[in-house]
Amino acid sequence: MEQRRRDGVRHRLSDWLYDKGPGQYYQPAYAHIASAIGLDQGAFLDVGCGPGWLSIHLAEGHPELDAIGIDLSPRMIEQANRHKHQRLNVTFREMDAEHISYPDGTFDRAAAVQSAHHWQDKAAILEEVHRVLSPGAFFFIYEADRAASTVPAEWIHRIGVWPPDSMVRLGWRRYGMDDAEWDALKAVVQASPFQGGEDGRHGFYRRLVLAR
């Protein structure tokens, strides 16, 4: 009981710190990713949406687009709902990505930004995302590169000298993927129902673009 309470406090503090730190200074990165996804109508799924910024950026100015963000953390969903304000075309739901409660072929695009390293059963999540995507749709997977050394200025919002590059790179080393982890993820992808894709980079991220 005491351990669960401590874990709960730790998770709440971690979520709060993310919202006040990376959730703010990564705003340009979210905007760049939203632009690359390139969807202005239809339905979008944000897998592991965190504080919701990717869905919010993607839906901004596109009333014919419905952006749905799902996350296991109720605290992240609370933050995301605060951030969306009165936007009617953005919805956030507490949900396990291993069991996505939407019908087959619901979404025209999906993305997972900095969430794949949390996945316990990567194969199950890939199967579920594949199921809820429509034929011809794409799934974008982004993970920070642990080994990246250059911080692209146009991808980070700064107030004066904050955050320093050293802090940004520390986040990548703690929560990104190295070559071995990325190769392991790609091996699971190759065994998944996705038919093919593109392995590359975007900004300081490693990126997979998987075709349904």
C-alpha atoms as a PDB file:
ATOM      1  CA  MET A   1       0.000   0.000   0.000  1.00  0.00           C
ATOM      2  CA  GLU A   2       2.751   2.430   0.983  1.00  0.00           C
ATOM      3  CA  GLN A   3       4.765   1.543  -2.135  1.00  0.00           C
ATOM      4  CA  ARG A   4       1.753   2.213  -4.382  1.00  0.00           C
ATOM      5  CA  ARG A   5       1.274   5.581  -2.717  1.00  0.00           C
ATOM      6  CA  ARG A   6       4.930   6.474  -3.296  1.00  0.00           C
ATOM      7  CA  ASP A   7       4.707   5.330  -6.909  1.00  0.00           C
ATOM      8  CA  GLY A   8       1.600   7.464  -7.395  1.00  0.00           C
ATOM      9  CA  VAL A   9       3.321  10.546  -5.969  1.00  0.00           C
ATOM     10  CA  ARG A  10       6.380   9.907  -8.155  1.00  0.00           C
ATOM     11  CA  HIS A  11       4.264   9.533 -11.314  1.00  0.00           C
ATOM     12  CA  ARG A  12       2.292  12.705 -10.558  1.00  0.00           C
ATOM     13  CA  LEU A  13       5.498  14.658 -10.002  1.00  0.00           C
ATOM     14  CA  SER A  14       7.032  13.260 -13.207  1.00  0.00           C
ATOM     15  CA  ASP A  15       3.949  14.186 -15.251  1.00  0.00           C
ATOM     16  CA  TRP A  16       3.870  17.704 -13.752  1.00  0.00           C
ATOM     17  CA  LEU A  17       7.565  18.255 -14.482  1.00  0.00           C
ATOM     18  CA  TYR A  18       7.121  17.078 -18.075  1.00  0.00           C
ATOM     19  CA  ASP A  19       4.210  19.446 -18.619  1.00  0.00           C
ATOM     20  CA  LYS A  20       6.136  22.425 -17.224  1.00  0.00           C
ATOM     21  CA  GLY A  21       9.414  21.524 -18.961  1.00  0.00           C
ATOM     22  CA  PRO A  22       9.557  19.563 -22.247  1.00  0.00           C
ATOM     23  CA  GLY A  23       5.816  19.994 -22.757  1.00  0.00           C
ATOM     24  CA  GLN A  24       6.493  23.721 -23.118  1.00  0.00           C
ATOM     25  CA  TYR A  25       9.889  23.994 -24.763  1.00  0.00           C
ATOM     26  CA  TYR A  26       9.100  21.287 -27.355  1.00  0.00           C
ATOM     27  CA  GLN A  27       6.217  23.326 -28.794  1.00  0.00           C
ATOM     28  CA  PRO A  28       8.080  24.024 -32.079  1.00  0.00           C
ATOM     29  CA  ALA A  29       8.916  20.305 -32.353  1.00  0.00           C
ATOM     30  CA  TYR A  30       5.227  19.390 -32.036  1.00  0.00           C
ATOM     31  CA  ALA A  31       4.409  21.923 -34.745  1.00  0.00           C
ATOM     32  CA  HIS A  32       7.067  20.491 -37.087  1.00  0.00           C
ATOM     33  CA  ILE A  33       5.763  16.957 -36.541  1.00  0.00           C
ATOM     34  CA  ALA A  34       2.156  18.048 -37.095  1.00  0.00           C
ATOM     35  CA  SER A  35       3.193  19.642 -40.386  1.00  0.00           C
ATOM     36  CA  ALA A  36       4.989  16.454 -41.476  1.00  0.00           C
ATOM     37  CA  ILE A  37       1.923  14.335 -40.720  1.00  0.00           C
ATOM     38  CA  GLY A  38       0.083  16.585 -43.132  1.00  0.00           C
ATOM     39  CA  LEU A  39      -3.547  15.802 -42.304  1.00  0.00           C
ATOM     40  CA  ASP A  40      -6.187  18.537 -42.533  1.00  0.00           C
ATOM     41  CA  GLN A  41      -9.372  16.444 -42.535  1.00  0.00           C
ATOM     42  CA  GLY A  42     -10.499  13.007 -41.424  1.00  0.00           C
ATOM     43  CA  ALA A  43      -9.426  11.363 -38.168  1.00  0.00           C
ATOM     44  CA  PHE A  44      -6.073  11.277 -36.372  1.00  0.00           C
ATOM     45  CA  LEU A  45      -4.933   9.075 -33.460  1.00  0.00           C
ATOM     46  CA  ASP A  46      -2.192  10.208 -31.061  1.00  0.00           C
ATOM     47  CA  VAL A  47      -0.876   7.084 -29.275  1.00  0.00           C
ATOM     48  CA  GLY A  48       0.519   8.045 -25.880  1.00  0.00           C
ATOM     49  CA  CYS A  49      -0.566  11.666 -26.251  1.00  0.00           C
ATOM     50  CA  GLY A  50       0.904  12.928 -22.970  1.00  0.00           C
ATOM     51  CA  PRO A  51      -0.151  16.561 -22.427  1.00  0.00           C
ATOM     52  CA  GLY A  52      -1.840  16.603 -25.830  1.00  0.00           C
ATOM     53  CA  TRP A  53       0.173  19.154 -27.758  1.00  0.00           C
ATOM     54  CA  LEU A  54       0.620  17.177 -30.973  1.00  0.00           C
ATOM     55  CA  SER A  55      -3.129  16.674 -31.405  1.00  0.00           C
ATOM     56  CA  ILE A  56      -3.747  20.321 -30.565  1.00  0.00           C
ATOM     57  CA  HIS A  57      -1.211  21.563 -33.125  1.00  0.00           C
ATOM     58  CA  LEU A  58      -2.523  19.197 -35.781  1.00  0.00           C
ATOM     59  CA  ALA A  59      -6.159  20.187 -35.256  1.00  0.00           C
ATOM     60  CA  GLU A  60      -5.510  23.935 -35.087  1.00  0.00           C
ATOM     61  CA  GLY A  61      -7.181  25.650 -38.028  1.00  0.00           C
ATOM     62  CA  HIS A  62      -8.602  22.383 -39.404  1.00  0.00           C
ATOM     63  CA  PRO A  63     -12.243  22.103 -38.316  1.00  0.00           C
ATOM     64  CA  GLU A  64     -12.797  19.081 -40.582  1.00  0.00           C
ATOM     65  CA  LEU A  65     -10.152  17.094 -38.690  1.00  0.00           C
ATOM     66  CA  ASP A  66     -10.939  15.087 -35.546  1.00  0.00           C
ATOM     67  CA  ALA A  67      -7.850  14.510 -33.403  1.00  0.00           C
ATOM     68  CA  ILE A  68      -8.053  11.804 -30.743  1.00  0.00           C
ATOM     69  CA  GLY A  69      -5.334  11.406 -28.119  1.00  0.00           C
ATOM     70  CA  ILE A  70      -5.075   8.357 -25.865  1.00  0.00           C
ATOM     71  CA  ASP A  71      -2.835   7.802 -22.842  1.00  0.00           C
ATOM     72  CA  LEU A  72      -2.671   5.396 -19.910  1.00  0.00           C
ATOM     73  CA  SER A  73      -1.993   8.205 -17.448  1.00  0.00           C
ATOM     74  CA  PRO A  74      -5.111   9.924 -16.072  1.00  0.00           C
ATOM     75  CA  ARG A  75      -2.917  12.858 -15.020  1.00  0.00           C
ATOM     76  CA  MET A  76      -1.701  13.362 -18.583  1.00  0.00           C
ATOM     77  CA  ILE A  77      -5.282  13.233 -19.851  1.00  0.00           C
ATOM     78  CA  GLU A  78      -6.243  15.879 -17.281  1.00  0.00           C
ATOM     79  CA  GLN A  79      -3.420  18.109 -18.496  1.00  0.00           C
ATOM     80  CA  ALA A  80      -4.303  17.529 -22.154  1.00  0.00           C
ATOM     81  CA  ASN A  81      -7.940  18.456 -21.525  1.00  0.00           C
ATOM     82  CA  ARG A  82      -6.836  21.687 -19.852  1.00  0.00           C
ATOM     83  CA  HIS A  83      -4.583  22.540 -22.770  1.00  0.00           C
ATOM     84  CA  LYS A  84      -7.196  22.017 -25.460  1.00  0.00           C
ATOM     85  CA  HIS A  85      -9.475  24.700 -23.962  1.00  0.00           C
ATOM     86  CA  GLN A  86     -12.688  24.904 -26.046  1.00  0.00           C
ATOM     87  CA  ARG A  87     -11.444  23.084 -29.162  1.00  0.00           C
ATOM     88  CA  LEU A  88     -14.309  20.863 -30.289  1.00  0.00           C
ATOM     89  CA  ASN A  89     -12.271  18.775 -32.736  1.00  0.00           C
ATOM     90  CA  VAL A  90      -9.806  17.474 -30.119  1.00  0.00           C
ATOM     91  CA  THR A  91     -10.653  14.623 -27.723  1.00  0.00           C
ATOM     92  CA  PHE A  92      -8.479  12.976 -25.088  1.00  0.00           C
ATOM     93  CA  ARG A  93      -9.265   9.611 -23.516  1.00  0.00           C
ATOM     94  CA  GLU A  94      -7.606   7.439 -20.905  1.00  0.00           C
ATOM     95  CA  MET A  95      -6.968   4.218 -22.826  1.00  0.00           C
ATOM     96  CA  ASP A  96      -4.533   1.312 -23.143  1.00  0.00           C
ATOM     97  CA  ALA A  97      -2.978   1.265 -26.622  1.00  0.00           C
ATOM     98  CA  GLU A  98      -2.958  -2.536 -26.462  1.00  0.00           C
ATOM     99  CA  HIS A  99      -6.774  -2.384 -26.519  1.00  0.00           C
ATOM    100  CA  ILE A 100      -7.905   0.610 -28.559  1.00  0.00           C
ATOM    101  CA  SER A 101     -11.679   0.978 -28.278  1.00  0.00           C
ATOM    102  CA  TYR A 102     -12.343   2.220 -31.808  1.00  0.00           C
ATOM    103  CA  PRO A 103     -13.622   0.218 -34.784  1.00  0.00           C
ATOM    104  CA  ASP A 104     -11.437  -1.115 -37.573  1.00  0.00           C
ATOM    105  CA  GLY A 105     -10.352   1.489 -40.121  1.00  0.00           C
ATOM    106  CA  THR A 106     -11.339   4.527 -38.053  1.00  0.00           C
ATOM    107  CA  PHE A 107      -8.228   6.686 -38.519  1.00  0.00           C
ATOM    108  CA  ASP A 108      -6.461   8.239 -41.504  1.00  0.00           C
ATOM    109  CA  ARG A 109      -3.170   8.841 -39.675  1.00  0.00           C
ATOM    110  CA  ALA A 110      -1.653   7.874 -36.328  1.00  0.00           C
ATOM    111  CA  ALA A 111       1.473   8.940 -34.477  1.00  0.00           C
ATOM    112  CA  ALA A 112       3.430   7.984 -31.369  1.00  0.00           C
ATOM    113  CA  VAL A 113       5.907  10.635 -30.239  1.00  0.00           C
ATOM    114  CA  GLN A 114       8.227   9.658 -27.407  1.00  0.00           C
ATOM    115  CA  SER A 115       5.921   6.875 -26.266  1.00  0.00           C
ATOM    116  CA  ALA A 116       7.252   3.708 -27.951  1.00  0.00           C
ATOM    117  CA  HIS A 117      10.025   3.352 -25.351  1.00  0.00           C
ATOM    118  CA  HIS A 118       7.255   2.925 -22.739  1.00  0.00           C
ATOM    119  CA  TRP A 119       5.409   0.150 -24.587  1.00  0.00           C
ATOM    120  CA  GLN A 120       5.335  -3.133 -22.692  1.00  0.00           C
ATOM    121  CA  ASP A 121       3.984  -5.208 -25.587  1.00  0.00           C
ATOM    122  CA  LYS A 122       5.123  -3.481 -28.757  1.00  0.00           C
ATOM    123  CA  ALA A 123       3.716  -6.192 -31.045  1.00  0.00           C
ATOM    124  CA  ALA A 124       0.234  -5.872 -29.530  1.00  0.00           C
ATOM    125  CA  ILE A 125       0.224  -2.082 -29.892  1.00  0.00           C
ATOM    126  CA  LEU A 126       1.397  -2.243 -33.503  1.00  0.00           C
ATOM    127  CA  GLU A 127      -1.370  -4.728 -34.290  1.00  0.00           C
ATOM    128  CA  GLU A 128      -3.982  -2.508 -32.655  1.00  0.00           C
ATOM    129  CA  VAL A 129      -2.831   0.649 -34.434  1.00  0.00           C
ATOM    130  CA  HIS A 130      -2.777  -1.259 -37.727  1.00  0.00           C
ATOM    131  CA  ARG A 131      -6.332  -2.446 -37.069  1.00  0.00           C
ATOM    132  CA  VAL A 132      -7.776   1.023 -36.418  1.00  0.00           C
ATOM    133  CA  LEU A 133      -6.048   2.633 -39.413  1.00  0.00           C
ATOM    134  CA  SER A 134      -7.773   2.773 -42.775  1.00  0.00           C
ATOM    135  CA  PRO A 135      -6.118   1.137 -45.823  1.00  0.00           C
ATOM    136  CA  GLY A 136      -3.413   3.408 -47.215  1.00  0.00           C
ATOM    137  CA  ALA A 137      -2.999   5.273 -43.909  1.00  0.00           C
ATOM    138  CA  PHE A 138       0.334   5.918 -42.168  1.00  0.00           C
ATOM    139  CA  PHE A 139       1.677   5.487 -38.641  1.00  0.00           C
ATOM    140  CA  PHE A 140       4.481   7.871 -37.570  1.00  0.00           C
ATOM    141  CA  ILE A 141       6.759   6.736 -34.732  1.00  0.00           C
ATOM    142  CA  TYR A 142       9.150   9.307 -33.252  1.00  0.00           C
ATOM    143  CA  GLU A 143      11.832   8.690 -30.613  1.00  0.00           C
ATOM    144  CA  ALA A 144      14.612  11.044 -29.566  1.00  0.00           C
ATOM    145  CA  ASP A 145      18.106   9.901 -30.538  1.00  0.00           C
ATOM    146  CA  ARG A 146      20.183   9.238 -27.425  1.00  0.00           C
ATOM    147  CA  ALA A 147      23.374   9.978 -29.363  1.00  0.00           C
ATOM    148  CA  ALA A 148      22.237  13.259 -30.951  1.00  0.00           C
ATOM    149  CA  SER A 149      24.527  16.165 -30.084  1.00  0.00           C
ATOM    150  CA  THR A 150      23.071  19.091 -32.039  1.00  0.00           C
ATOM    151  CA  VAL A 151      19.928  20.835 -30.808  1.00  0.00           C
ATOM    152  CA  PRO A 152      18.159  22.442 -33.803  1.00  0.00           C
ATOM    153  CA  ALA A 153      17.311  25.980 -32.680  1.00  0.00           C
ATOM    154  CA  GLU A 154      14.027  26.084 -34.604  1.00  0.00           C
ATOM    155  CA  TRP A 155      12.782  22.965 -32.789  1.00  0.00           C
ATOM    156  CA  ILE A 156      13.051  24.331 -29.243  1.00  0.00           C
ATOM    157  CA  HIS A 157      11.268  27.298 -27.642  1.00  0.00           C
ATOM    158  CA  ARG A 158      13.609  29.191 -25.353  1.00  0.00           C
ATOM    159  CA  ILE A 159      13.120  31.914 -22.795  1.00  0.00           C
ATOM    160  CA  GLY A 160      16.476  33.638 -22.750  1.00  0.00           C
ATOM    161  CA  VAL A 161      19.030  30.846 -22.377  1.00  0.00           C
ATOM    162  CA  TRP A 162      16.526  28.359 -20.912  1.00  0.00           C
ATOM    163  CA  PRO A 163      16.562  25.468 -21.511  1.00  0.00           C
ATOM    164  CA  PRO A 164      20.290  25.045 -22.121  1.00  0.00           C
ATOM    165  CA  ASP A 165      21.333  22.513 -24.731  1.00  0.00           C
ATOM    166  CA  SER A 166      22.797  20.318 -22.003  1.00  0.00           C
ATOM    167  CA  MET A 167      19.352  19.908 -20.416  1.00  0.00           C
ATOM    168  CA  VAL A 168      17.715  19.042 -23.735  1.00  0.00           C
ATOM    169  CA  ARG A 169      20.391  16.454 -24.545  1.00  0.00           C
ATOM    170  CA  LEU A 170      20.067  14.965 -21.053  1.00  0.00           C
ATOM    171  CA  GLY A 171      16.388  14.350 -21.764  1.00  0.00           C
ATOM    172  CA  TRP A 172      17.266  12.553 -24.991  1.00  0.00           C
ATOM    173  CA  ARG A 173      19.795  10.332 -23.223  1.00  0.00           C
ATOM    174  CA  ARG A 174      17.315   9.446 -20.484  1.00  0.00           C
ATOM    175  CA  TYR A 175      14.199   8.940 -22.584  1.00  0.00           C
ATOM    176  CA  GLY A 176      15.349   8.338 -26.156  1.00  0.00           C
ATOM    177  CA  MET A 177      16.538   5.258 -28.013  1.00  0.00           C
ATOM    178  CA  ASP A 178      20.050   4.191 -29.000  1.00  0.00           C
ATOM    179  CA  ASP A 179      20.918   2.130 -32.078  1.00  0.00           C
ATOM    180  CA  ALA A 180      20.267  -1.214 -30.393  1.00  0.00           C
ATOM    181  CA  GLU A 181      16.869  -0.136 -29.020  1.00  0.00           C
ATOM    182  CA  TRP A 182      15.855   1.313 -32.381  1.00  0.00           C
ATOM    183  CA  ASP A 183      16.886  -1.881 -34.193  1.00  0.00           C
ATOM    184  CA  ALA A 184      14.884  -3.922 -31.690  1.00  0.00           C
ATOM    185  CA  LEU A 185      11.811  -1.781 -32.380  1.00  0.00           C
ATOM    186  CA  LYS A 186      12.293  -2.188 -36.135  1.00  0.00           C
ATOM    187  CA  ALA A 187      12.501  -5.972 -35.708  1.00  0.00           C
ATOM    188  CA  VAL A 188       9.076  -5.941 -34.031  1.00  0.00           C
ATOM    189  CA  VAL A 189       7.753  -3.718 -36.832  1.00  0.00           C
ATOM    190  CA  GLN A 190       9.025  -6.152 -39.466  1.00  0.00           C
ATOM    191  CA  ALA A 191       7.026  -8.930 -37.814  1.00  0.00           C
ATOM    192  CA  SER A 192       3.896  -6.745 -37.576  1.00  0.00           C
ATOM    193  CA  PRO A 193       0.999  -6.438 -40.060  1.00  0.00           C
ATOM    194  CA  PHE A 194       2.406  -3.185 -41.491  1.00  0.00           C
ATOM    195  CA  GLN A 195       3.387  -3.664 -45.119  1.00  0.00           C
ATOM    196  CA  GLY A 196       6.412  -1.413 -45.250  1.00  0.00           C
ATOM    197  CA  GLY A 197       7.757   1.933 -44.240  1.00  0.00           C
ATOM    198  CA  GLU A 198      10.532   4.475 -44.098  1.00  0.00           C
ATOM    199  CA  ASP A 199      13.309   4.633 -41.512  1.00  0.00           C
ATOM    200  CA  GLY A 200      14.841   8.075 -41.239  1.00  0.00           C
ATOM    201  CA  ARG A 201      15.240  11.190 -39.121  1.00  0.00           C
ATOM    202  CA  HIS A 202      13.282  14.372 -38.562  1.00  0.00           C
ATOM    203  CA  GLY A 203      14.862  17.099 -36.489  1.00  0.00           C
ATOM    204  CA  PHE A 204      16.556  15.437 -33.514  1.00  0.00           C
ATOM    205  CA  TYR A 205      14.253  12.412 -33.724  1.00  0.00           C
ATOM    206  CA  ARG A 206      14.572   8.960 -35.193  1.00  0.00           C
ATOM    207  CA  ARG A 207      11.432   8.375 -37.247  1.00  0.00           C
ATOM    208  CA  LEU A 208       9.561   5.433 -38.718  1.00  0.00           C
ATOM    209  CA  VAL A 209       6.743   6.063 -41.181  1.00  0.00           C
ATOM    210  CA  LEU A 210       4.781   2.813 -41.500  1.00  0.00           C
ATOM    211  CA  ALA A 211       2.329   2.143 -44.311  1.00  0.00           C
ATOM    212  CA  ARG A 212      -0.995   0.416 -43.642  1.00  0.00           C
END
